[in-house]
Amino acid sequence: LSQGVLSNISSITDLGGFDPVWLF
């Protein structure tokens, strides 16, 4: 995911700045 996959995830959620990389 750190390679840019779903890099715009924060634009479609109300969790501003959320990065799925940190979750995993």
mmCIF file of all heavy atoms, coordinates in Angstrom:
data_MODEL
# 
_entry.id   MODEL 
# 
loop_
_atom_site.group_PDB 
_atom_site.id 
_atom_site.type_symbol 
_atom_site.label_atom_id 
_atom_site.label_alt_id 
_atom_site.label_comp_id 
_atom_site.label_asym_id 
_atom_site.label_entity_id 
_atom_site.label_seq_id 
_atom_site.pdbx_PDB_ins_code 
_atom_site.Cartn_x 
_atom_site.Cartn_y 
_atom_site.Cartn_z 
_atom_site.occupancy 
_atom_site.B_iso_or_equiv 
_atom_site.pdbx_formal_charge 
_atom_site.auth_seq_id 
_atom_site.auth_comp_id 
_atom_site.auth_asym_id 
_atom_site.auth_atom_id 
_atom_site.pdbx_PDB_model_num 
ATOM 1   N N   . LEU A 1 1  ? 0.820   -1.218 0.000  1.00 0.00 ? 1  LEU A N   1 
ATOM 2   C CA  . LEU A 1 1  ? 0.000   0.000  0.000  1.00 0.00 ? 1  LEU A CA  1 
ATOM 3   C C   . LEU A 1 1  ? 0.851   1.264  0.000  1.00 0.00 ? 1  LEU A C   1 
ATOM 4   O O   . LEU A 1 1  ? 0.417   2.311  -0.477 1.00 0.00 ? 1  LEU A O   1 
ATOM 5   C CB  . LEU A 1 1  ? -0.927  0.001  1.222  1.00 0.00 ? 1  LEU A CB  1 
ATOM 6   C CG  . LEU A 1 1  ? -2.056  -1.030 1.222  1.00 0.00 ? 1  LEU A CG  1 
ATOM 7   C CD1 . LEU A 1 1  ? -2.813  -0.979 2.537  1.00 0.00 ? 1  LEU A CD1 1 
ATOM 8   C CD2 . LEU A 1 1  ? -3.010  -0.808 0.056  1.00 0.00 ? 1  LEU A CD2 1 
ATOM 9   N N   . SER A 1 2  ? 2.078   1.160  0.549  1.00 0.00 ? 2  SER A N   1 
ATOM 10  C CA  . SER A 1 2  ? 2.945   2.331  0.613  1.00 0.00 ? 2  SER A CA  1 
ATOM 11  C C   . SER A 1 2  ? 3.435   2.766  -0.767 1.00 0.00 ? 2  SER A C   1 
ATOM 12  O O   . SER A 1 2  ? 3.968   3.865  -0.923 1.00 0.00 ? 2  SER A O   1 
ATOM 13  C CB  . SER A 1 2  ? 4.149   2.046  1.514  1.00 0.00 ? 2  SER A CB  1 
ATOM 14  O OG  . SER A 1 2  ? 5.013   1.083  0.919  1.00 0.00 ? 2  SER A OG  1 
ATOM 15  N N   . GLN A 1 3  ? 3.233   1.910  -1.781 1.00 0.00 ? 3  GLN A N   1 
ATOM 16  C CA  . GLN A 1 3  ? 3.663   2.263  -3.139 1.00 0.00 ? 3  GLN A CA  1 
ATOM 17  C C   . GLN A 1 3  ? 2.676   3.198  -3.835 1.00 0.00 ? 3  GLN A C   1 
ATOM 18  O O   . GLN A 1 3  ? 2.828   3.505  -5.009 1.00 0.00 ? 3  GLN A O   1 
ATOM 19  C CB  . GLN A 1 3  ? 3.832   0.981  -3.982 1.00 0.00 ? 3  GLN A CB  1 
ATOM 20  C CG  . GLN A 1 3  ? 4.776   -0.038 -3.369 1.00 0.00 ? 3  GLN A CG  1 
ATOM 21  C CD  . GLN A 1 3  ? 6.143   0.520  -3.093 1.00 0.00 ? 3  GLN A CD  1 
ATOM 22  O OE1 . GLN A 1 3  ? 6.733   1.173  -3.956 1.00 0.00 ? 3  GLN A OE1 1 
ATOM 23  N NE2 . GLN A 1 3  ? 6.672   0.277  -1.899 1.00 0.00 ? 3  GLN A NE2 1 
ATOM 24  N N   . GLY A 1 4  ? 1.630   3.618  -3.099 1.00 0.00 ? 4  GLY A N   1 
ATOM 25  C CA  . GLY A 1 4  ? 0.671   4.564  -3.670 1.00 0.00 ? 4  GLY A CA  1 
ATOM 26  C C   . GLY A 1 4  ? -0.695  3.971  -3.914 1.00 0.00 ? 4  GLY A C   1 
ATOM 27  O O   . GLY A 1 4  ? -1.607  4.651  -4.350 1.00 0.00 ? 4  GLY A O   1 
ATOM 28  N N   . VAL A 1 5  ? -0.873  2.665  -3.633 1.00 0.00 ? 5  VAL A N   1 
ATOM 29  C CA  . VAL A 1 5  ? -2.169  2.032  -3.811 1.00 0.00 ? 5  VAL A CA  1 
ATOM 30  C C   . VAL A 1 5  ? -3.144  2.616  -2.787 1.00 0.00 ? 5  VAL A C   1 
ATOM 31  O O   . VAL A 1 5  ? -2.843  2.725  -1.605 1.00 0.00 ? 5  VAL A O   1 
ATOM 32  C CB  . VAL A 1 5  ? -2.054  0.505  -3.613 1.00 0.00 ? 5  VAL A CB  1 
ATOM 33  C CG1 . VAL A 1 5  ? -3.409  -0.152 -3.793 1.00 0.00 ? 5  VAL A CG1 1 
ATOM 34  C CG2 . VAL A 1 5  ? -1.051  -0.059 -4.603 1.00 0.00 ? 5  VAL A CG2 1 
ATOM 35  N N   . LEU A 1 6  ? -4.316  3.030  -3.258 1.00 0.00 ? 6  LEU A N   1 
ATOM 36  C CA  . LEU A 1 6  ? -5.338  3.665  -2.429 1.00 0.00 ? 6  LEU A CA  1 
ATOM 37  C C   . LEU A 1 6  ? -4.790  4.901  -1.707 1.00 0.00 ? 6  LEU A C   1 
ATOM 38  O O   . LEU A 1 6  ? -5.142  5.191  -0.577 1.00 0.00 ? 6  LEU A O   1 
ATOM 39  C CB  . LEU A 1 6  ? -5.894  2.663  -1.402 1.00 0.00 ? 6  LEU A CB  1 
ATOM 40  C CG  . LEU A 1 6  ? -6.625  1.446  -1.975 1.00 0.00 ? 6  LEU A CG  1 
ATOM 41  C CD1 . LEU A 1 6  ? -7.136  0.568  -0.848 1.00 0.00 ? 6  LEU A CD1 1 
ATOM 42  C CD2 . LEU A 1 6  ? -7.764  1.845  -2.884 1.00 0.00 ? 6  LEU A CD2 1 
ATOM 43  N N   . SER A 1 7  ? -3.897  5.626  -2.385 1.00 0.00 ? 7  SER A N   1 
ATOM 44  C CA  . SER A 1 7  ? -3.296  6.807  -1.766 1.00 0.00 ? 7  SER A CA  1 
ATOM 45  C C   . SER A 1 7  ? -4.311  7.914  -1.517 1.00 0.00 ? 7  SER A C   1 
ATOM 46  O O   . SER A 1 7  ? -4.094  8.790  -0.688 1.00 0.00 ? 7  SER A O   1 
ATOM 47  C CB  . SER A 1 7  ? -2.157  7.339  -2.636 1.00 0.00 ? 7  SER A CB  1 
ATOM 48  O OG  . SER A 1 7  ? -2.633  7.648  -3.942 1.00 0.00 ? 7  SER A OG  1 
ATOM 49  N N   . ASN A 1 8  ? -5.434  7.895  -2.241 1.00 0.00 ? 8  ASN A N   1 
ATOM 50  C CA  . ASN A 1 8  ? -6.457  8.931  -2.080 1.00 0.00 ? 8  ASN A CA  1 
ATOM 51  C C   . ASN A 1 8  ? -7.605  8.482  -1.189 1.00 0.00 ? 8  ASN A C   1 
ATOM 52  O O   . ASN A 1 8  ? -8.709  8.997  -1.287 1.00 0.00 ? 8  ASN A O   1 
ATOM 53  C CB  . ASN A 1 8  ? -7.019  9.340  -3.452 1.00 0.00 ? 8  ASN A CB  1 
ATOM 54  C CG  . ASN A 1 8  ? -5.983  10.083 -4.274 1.00 0.00 ? 8  ASN A CG  1 
ATOM 55  O OD1 . ASN A 1 8  ? -5.098  10.701 -3.734 1.00 0.00 ? 8  ASN A OD1 1 
ATOM 56  N ND2 . ASN A 1 8  ? -6.104  9.997  -5.586 1.00 0.00 ? 8  ASN A ND2 1 
ATOM 57  N N   . ILE A 1 9  ? -7.350  7.507  -0.323 1.00 0.00 ? 9  ILE A N   1 
ATOM 58  C CA  . ILE A 1 9  ? -8.418  6.964  0.519  1.00 0.00 ? 9  ILE A CA  1 
ATOM 59  C C   . ILE A 1 9  ? -9.019  8.044  1.419  1.00 0.00 ? 9  ILE A C   1 
ATOM 60  O O   . ILE A 1 9  ? -10.197 8.018  1.732  1.00 0.00 ? 9  ILE A O   1 
ATOM 61  C CB  . ILE A 1 9  ? -7.883  5.787  1.378  1.00 0.00 ? 9  ILE A CB  1 
ATOM 62  C CG1 . ILE A 1 9  ? -9.021  5.029  2.068  1.00 0.00 ? 9  ILE A CG1 1 
ATOM 63  C CG2 . ILE A 1 9  ? -6.886  6.266  2.416  1.00 0.00 ? 9  ILE A CG2 1 
ATOM 64  C CD1 . ILE A 1 9  ? -9.823  4.184  1.146  1.00 0.00 ? 9  ILE A CD1 1 
ATOM 65  N N   . SER A 1 10 ? -8.190  9.028  1.838  1.00 0.00 ? 10 SER A N   1 
ATOM 66  C CA  . SER A 1 10 ? -8.690  10.073 2.735  1.00 0.00 ? 10 SER A CA  1 
ATOM 67  C C   . SER A 1 10 ? -9.710  10.978 2.060  1.00 0.00 ? 10 SER A C   1 
ATOM 68  O O   . SER A 1 10 ? -10.518 11.616 2.724  1.00 0.00 ? 10 SER A O   1 
ATOM 69  C CB  . SER A 1 10 ? -7.532  10.916 3.282  1.00 0.00 ? 10 SER A CB  1 
ATOM 70  O OG  . SER A 1 10 ? -6.830  11.520 2.221  1.00 0.00 ? 10 SER A OG  1 
ATOM 71  N N   . SER A 1 11 ? -9.689  11.019 0.731  1.00 0.00 ? 11 SER A N   1 
ATOM 72  C CA  . SER A 1 11 ? -10.609 11.895 0.007  1.00 0.00 ? 11 SER A CA  1 
ATOM 73  C C   . SER A 1 11 ? -12.014 11.325 -0.062 1.00 0.00 ? 11 SER A C   1 
ATOM 74  O O   . SER A 1 11 ? -12.952 12.037 -0.381 1.00 0.00 ? 11 SER A O   1 
ATOM 75  C CB  . SER A 1 11 ? -10.088 12.145 -1.416 1.00 0.00 ? 11 SER A CB  1 
ATOM 76  O OG  . SER A 1 11 ? -10.115 10.947 -2.185 1.00 0.00 ? 11 SER A OG  1 
ATOM 77  N N   . ILE A 1 12 ? -12.171 10.035 0.245  1.00 0.00 ? 12 ILE A N   1 
ATOM 78  C CA  . ILE A 1 12 ? -13.506 9.435  0.172  1.00 0.00 ? 12 ILE A CA  1 
ATOM 79  C C   . ILE A 1 12 ? -13.989 8.945  1.531  1.00 0.00 ? 12 ILE A C   1 
ATOM 80  O O   . ILE A 1 12 ? -14.950 8.200  1.630  1.00 0.00 ? 12 ILE A O   1 
ATOM 81  C CB  . ILE A 1 12 ? -13.529 8.255  -0.829 1.00 0.00 ? 12 ILE A CB  1 
ATOM 82  C CG1 . ILE A 1 12 ? -12.532 7.178  -0.435 1.00 0.00 ? 12 ILE A CG1 1 
ATOM 83  C CG2 . ILE A 1 12 ? -13.263 8.735  -2.224 1.00 0.00 ? 12 ILE A CG2 1 
ATOM 84  C CD1 . ILE A 1 12 ? -12.668 5.907  -1.222 1.00 0.00 ? 12 ILE A CD1 1 
ATOM 85  N N   . THR A 1 13 ? -13.311 9.356  2.601  1.00 0.00 ? 13 THR A N   1 
ATOM 86  C CA  . THR A 1 13 ? -13.775 9.063  3.952  1.00 0.00 ? 13 THR A CA  1 
ATOM 87  C C   . THR A 1 13 ? -13.804 10.369 4.726  1.00 0.00 ? 13 THR A C   1 
ATOM 88  O O   . THR A 1 13 ? -13.232 11.369 4.323  1.00 0.00 ? 13 THR A O   1 
ATOM 89  C CB  . THR A 1 13 ? -12.837 8.067  4.671  1.00 0.00 ? 13 THR A CB  1 
ATOM 90  O OG1 . THR A 1 13 ? -11.566 8.703  4.880  1.00 0.00 ? 13 THR A OG1 1 
ATOM 91  C CG2 . THR A 1 13 ? -12.635 6.807  3.860  1.00 0.00 ? 13 THR A CG2 1 
ATOM 92  N N   . ASP A 1 14 ? -14.464 10.343 5.880  1.00 0.00 ? 14 ASP A N   1 
ATOM 93  C CA  . ASP A 1 14 ? -14.470 11.536 6.720  1.00 0.00 ? 14 ASP A CA  1 
ATOM 94  C C   . ASP A 1 14 ? -13.363 11.475 7.762  1.00 0.00 ? 14 ASP A C   1 
ATOM 95  O O   . ASP A 1 14 ? -13.366 12.205 8.744  1.00 0.00 ? 14 ASP A O   1 
ATOM 96  C CB  . ASP A 1 14 ? -15.828 11.726 7.404  1.00 0.00 ? 14 ASP A CB  1 
ATOM 97  C CG  . ASP A 1 14 ? -16.252 10.489 8.170  1.00 0.00 ? 14 ASP A CG  1 
ATOM 98  O OD1 . ASP A 1 14 ? -15.489 9.510  8.184  1.00 0.00 ? 14 ASP A OD1 1 
ATOM 99  O OD2 . ASP A 1 14 ? -17.351 10.515 8.756  1.00 0.00 ? 14 ASP A OD2 1 
ATOM 100 N N   . LEU A 1 15 ? -12.377 10.559 7.547  1.00 0.00 ? 15 LEU A N   1 
ATOM 101 C CA  . LEU A 1 15 ? -11.213 10.462 8.424  1.00 0.00 ? 15 LEU A CA  1 
ATOM 102 C C   . LEU A 1 15 ? -10.071 11.211 7.754  1.00 0.00 ? 15 LEU A C   1 
ATOM 103 O O   . LEU A 1 15 ? -9.280  10.623 7.011  1.00 0.00 ? 15 LEU A O   1 
ATOM 104 C CB  . LEU A 1 15 ? -10.839 8.990  8.660  1.00 0.00 ? 15 LEU A CB  1 
ATOM 105 C CG  . LEU A 1 15 ? -11.941 8.109  9.273  1.00 0.00 ? 15 LEU A CG  1 
ATOM 106 C CD1 . LEU A 1 15 ? -11.468 6.672  9.333  1.00 0.00 ? 15 LEU A CD1 1 
ATOM 107 C CD2 . LEU A 1 15 ? -12.311 8.607  10.659 1.00 0.00 ? 15 LEU A CD2 1 
ATOM 108 N N   . GLY A 1 16 ? -9.999  12.513 7.983  1.00 0.00 ? 16 GLY A N   1 
ATOM 109 C CA  . GLY A 1 16 ? -9.001  13.329 7.299  1.00 0.00 ? 16 GLY A CA  1 
ATOM 110 C C   . GLY A 1 16 ? -7.588  12.851 7.555  1.00 0.00 ? 16 GLY A C   1 
ATOM 111 O O   . GLY A 1 16 ? -7.193  12.618 8.695  1.00 0.00 ? 16 GLY A O   1 
ATOM 112 N N   . GLY A 1 17 ? -6.810  12.693 6.492  1.00 0.00 ? 17 GLY A N   1 
ATOM 113 C CA  . GLY A 1 17 ? -5.420  12.283 6.623  1.00 0.00 ? 17 GLY A CA  1 
ATOM 114 C C   . GLY A 1 17 ? -5.226  10.807 6.907  1.00 0.00 ? 17 GLY A C   1 
ATOM 115 O O   . GLY A 1 17 ? -4.102  10.367 7.172  1.00 0.00 ? 17 GLY A O   1 
ATOM 116 N N   . PHE A 1 18 ? -6.298  10.028 6.880  1.00 0.00 ? 18 PHE A N   1 
ATOM 117 C CA  . PHE A 1 18 ? -6.170  8.597  7.184  1.00 0.00 ? 18 PHE A CA  1 
ATOM 118 C C   . PHE A 1 18 ? -5.355  7.899  6.101  1.00 0.00 ? 18 PHE A C   1 
ATOM 119 O O   . PHE A 1 18 ? -5.600  8.054  4.916  1.00 0.00 ? 18 PHE A O   1 
ATOM 120 C CB  . PHE A 1 18 ? -7.555  7.958  7.267  1.00 0.00 ? 18 PHE A CB  1 
ATOM 121 C CG  . PHE A 1 18 ? -7.520  6.452  7.397  1.00 0.00 ? 18 PHE A CG  1 
ATOM 122 C CD1 . PHE A 1 18 ? -7.160  5.861  8.582  1.00 0.00 ? 18 PHE A CD1 1 
ATOM 123 C CD2 . PHE A 1 18 ? -7.827  5.640  6.306  1.00 0.00 ? 18 PHE A CD2 1 
ATOM 124 C CE1 . PHE A 1 18 ? -7.119  4.481  8.696  1.00 0.00 ? 18 PHE A CE1 1 
ATOM 125 C CE2 . PHE A 1 18 ? -7.787  4.269  6.411  1.00 0.00 ? 18 PHE A CE2 1 
ATOM 126 C CZ  . PHE A 1 18 ? -7.436  3.685  7.618  1.00 0.00 ? 18 PHE A CZ  1 
ATOM 127 N N   . ASP A 1 19 ? -4.353  7.136  6.538  1.00 0.00 ? 19 ASP A N   1 
ATOM 128 C CA  . ASP A 1 19 ? -3.504  6.380  5.624  1.00 0.00 ? 19 ASP A CA  1 
ATOM 129 C C   . ASP A 1 19 ? -3.581  4.914  6.016  1.00 0.00 ? 19 ASP A C   1 
ATOM 130 O O   . ASP A 1 19 ? -3.177  4.538  7.128  1.00 0.00 ? 19 ASP A O   1 
ATOM 131 C CB  . ASP A 1 19 ? -2.060  6.876  5.712  1.00 0.00 ? 19 ASP A CB  1 
ATOM 132 C CG  . ASP A 1 19 ? -1.189  6.289  4.604  1.00 0.00 ? 19 ASP A CG  1 
ATOM 133 O OD1 . ASP A 1 19 ? -1.583  5.263  4.018  1.00 0.00 ? 19 ASP A OD1 1 
ATOM 134 O OD2 . ASP A 1 19 ? -0.122  6.865  4.326  1.00 0.00 ? 19 ASP A OD2 1 
ATOM 135 N N   . PRO A 1 20 ? -4.107  4.038  5.146  1.00 0.00 ? 20 PRO A N   1 
ATOM 136 C CA  . PRO A 1 20 ? -4.245  2.622  5.499  1.00 0.00 ? 20 PRO A CA  1 
ATOM 137 C C   . PRO A 1 20 ? -2.927  1.935  5.806  1.00 0.00 ? 20 PRO A C   1 
ATOM 138 O O   . PRO A 1 20 ? -2.898  0.903  6.469  1.00 0.00 ? 20 PRO A O   1 
ATOM 139 C CB  . PRO A 1 20 ? -4.910  2.016  4.251  1.00 0.00 ? 20 PRO A CB  1 
ATOM 140 C CG  . PRO A 1 20 ? -4.650  2.973  3.144  1.00 0.00 ? 20 PRO A CG  1 
ATOM 141 C CD  . PRO A 1 20 ? -4.580  4.323  3.780  1.00 0.00 ? 20 PRO A CD  1 
ATOM 142 N N   . VAL A 1 21 ? -1.806  2.512  5.334  1.00 0.00 ? 21 VAL A N   1 
ATOM 143 C CA  . VAL A 1 21 ? -0.496  1.914  5.604  1.00 0.00 ? 21 VAL A CA  1 
ATOM 144 C C   . VAL A 1 21 ? -0.241  1.847  7.106  1.00 0.00 ? 21 VAL A C   1 
ATOM 145 O O   . VAL A 1 21 ? 0.214   0.824  7.631  1.00 0.00 ? 21 VAL A O   1 
ATOM 146 C CB  . VAL A 1 21 ? 0.626   2.727  4.918  1.00 0.00 ? 21 VAL A CB  1 
ATOM 147 C CG1 . VAL A 1 21 ? 1.997   2.208  5.333  1.00 0.00 ? 21 VAL A CG1 1 
ATOM 148 C CG2 . VAL A 1 21 ? 0.472   2.655  3.401  1.00 0.00 ? 21 VAL A CG2 1 
ATOM 149 N N   . TRP A 1 22 ? -0.576  2.933  7.825  1.00 0.00 ? 22 TRP A N   1 
ATOM 150 C CA  . TRP A 1 22 ? -0.337  2.959  9.265  1.00 0.00 ? 22 TRP A CA  1 
ATOM 151 C C   . TRP A 1 22 ? -1.203  1.948  9.997  1.00 0.00 ? 22 TRP A C   1 
ATOM 152 O O   . TRP A 1 22 ? -0.763  1.342  10.977 1.00 0.00 ? 22 TRP A O   1 
ATOM 153 C CB  . TRP A 1 22 ? -0.589  4.367  9.809  1.00 0.00 ? 22 TRP A CB  1 
ATOM 154 C CG  . TRP A 1 22 ? 0.442   5.352  9.367  1.00 0.00 ? 22 TRP A CG  1 
ATOM 155 C CD1 . TRP A 1 22 ? 0.305   6.345  8.439  1.00 0.00 ? 22 TRP A CD1 1 
ATOM 156 C CD2 . TRP A 1 22 ? 1.798   5.408  9.809  1.00 0.00 ? 22 TRP A CD2 1 
ATOM 157 N NE1 . TRP A 1 22 ? 1.486   7.029  8.271  1.00 0.00 ? 22 TRP A NE1 1 
ATOM 158 C CE2 . TRP A 1 22 ? 2.424   6.467  9.103  1.00 0.00 ? 22 TRP A CE2 1 
ATOM 159 C CE3 . TRP A 1 22 ? 2.553   4.673  10.726 1.00 0.00 ? 22 TRP A CE3 1 
ATOM 160 C CZ2 . TRP A 1 22 ? 3.754   6.805  9.298  1.00 0.00 ? 22 TRP A CZ2 1 
ATOM 161 C CZ3 . TRP A 1 22 ? 3.881   5.014  10.913 1.00 0.00 ? 22 TRP A CZ3 1 
ATOM 162 C CH2 . TRP A 1 22 ? 4.472   6.066  10.219 1.00 0.00 ? 22 TRP A CH2 1 
ATOM 163 N N   . LEU A 1 23 ? -2.419  1.761  9.529  1.00 0.00 ? 23 LEU A N   1 
ATOM 164 C CA  . LEU A 1 23 ? -3.307  0.776  10.150 1.00 0.00 ? 23 LEU A CA  1 
ATOM 165 C C   . LEU A 1 23 ? -2.714  -0.621 10.061 1.00 0.00 ? 23 LEU A C   1 
ATOM 166 O O   . LEU A 1 23 ? -2.648  -1.351 11.057 1.00 0.00 ? 23 LEU A O   1 
ATOM 167 C CB  . LEU A 1 23 ? -4.682  0.819  9.470  1.00 0.00 ? 23 LEU A CB  1 
ATOM 168 C CG  . LEU A 1 23 ? -5.680  -0.255 9.924  1.00 0.00 ? 23 LEU A CG  1 
ATOM 169 C CD1 . LEU A 1 23 ? -6.014  -0.089 11.394 1.00 0.00 ? 23 LEU A CD1 1 
ATOM 170 C CD2 . LEU A 1 23 ? -6.943  -0.202 9.074  1.00 0.00 ? 23 LEU A CD2 1 
ATOM 171 N N   . PHE A 1 24 ? -2.241  -0.997 8.864  1.00 0.00 ? 24 PHE A N   1 
ATOM 172 C CA  . PHE A 1 24 ? -1.666  -2.333 8.686  1.00 0.00 ? 24 PHE A CA  1 
ATOM 173 C C   . PHE A 1 24 ? -0.343  -2.481 9.434  1.00 0.00 ? 24 PHE A C   1 
ATOM 174 O O   . PHE A 1 24 ? -0.020  -3.561 9.926  1.00 0.00 ? 24 PHE A O   1 
ATOM 175 C CB  . PHE A 1 24 ? -1.491  -2.635 7.197  1.00 0.00 ? 24 PHE A CB  1 
ATOM 176 C CG  . PHE A 1 24 ? -2.771  -2.906 6.487  1.00 0.00 ? 24 PHE A CG  1 
ATOM 177 C CD1 . PHE A 1 24 ? -3.328  -1.971 5.614  1.00 0.00 ? 24 PHE A CD1 1 
ATOM 178 C CD2 . PHE A 1 24 ? -3.457  -4.094 6.687  1.00 0.00 ? 24 PHE A CD2 1 
ATOM 179 C CE1 . PHE A 1 24 ? -4.525  -2.215 4.969  1.00 0.00 ? 24 PHE A CE1 1 
ATOM 180 C CE2 . PHE A 1 24 ? -4.656  -4.345 6.041  1.00 0.00 ? 24 PHE A CE2 1 
ATOM 181 C CZ  . PHE A 1 24 ? -5.189  -3.412 5.180  1.00 0.00 ? 24 PHE A CZ  1 
# 
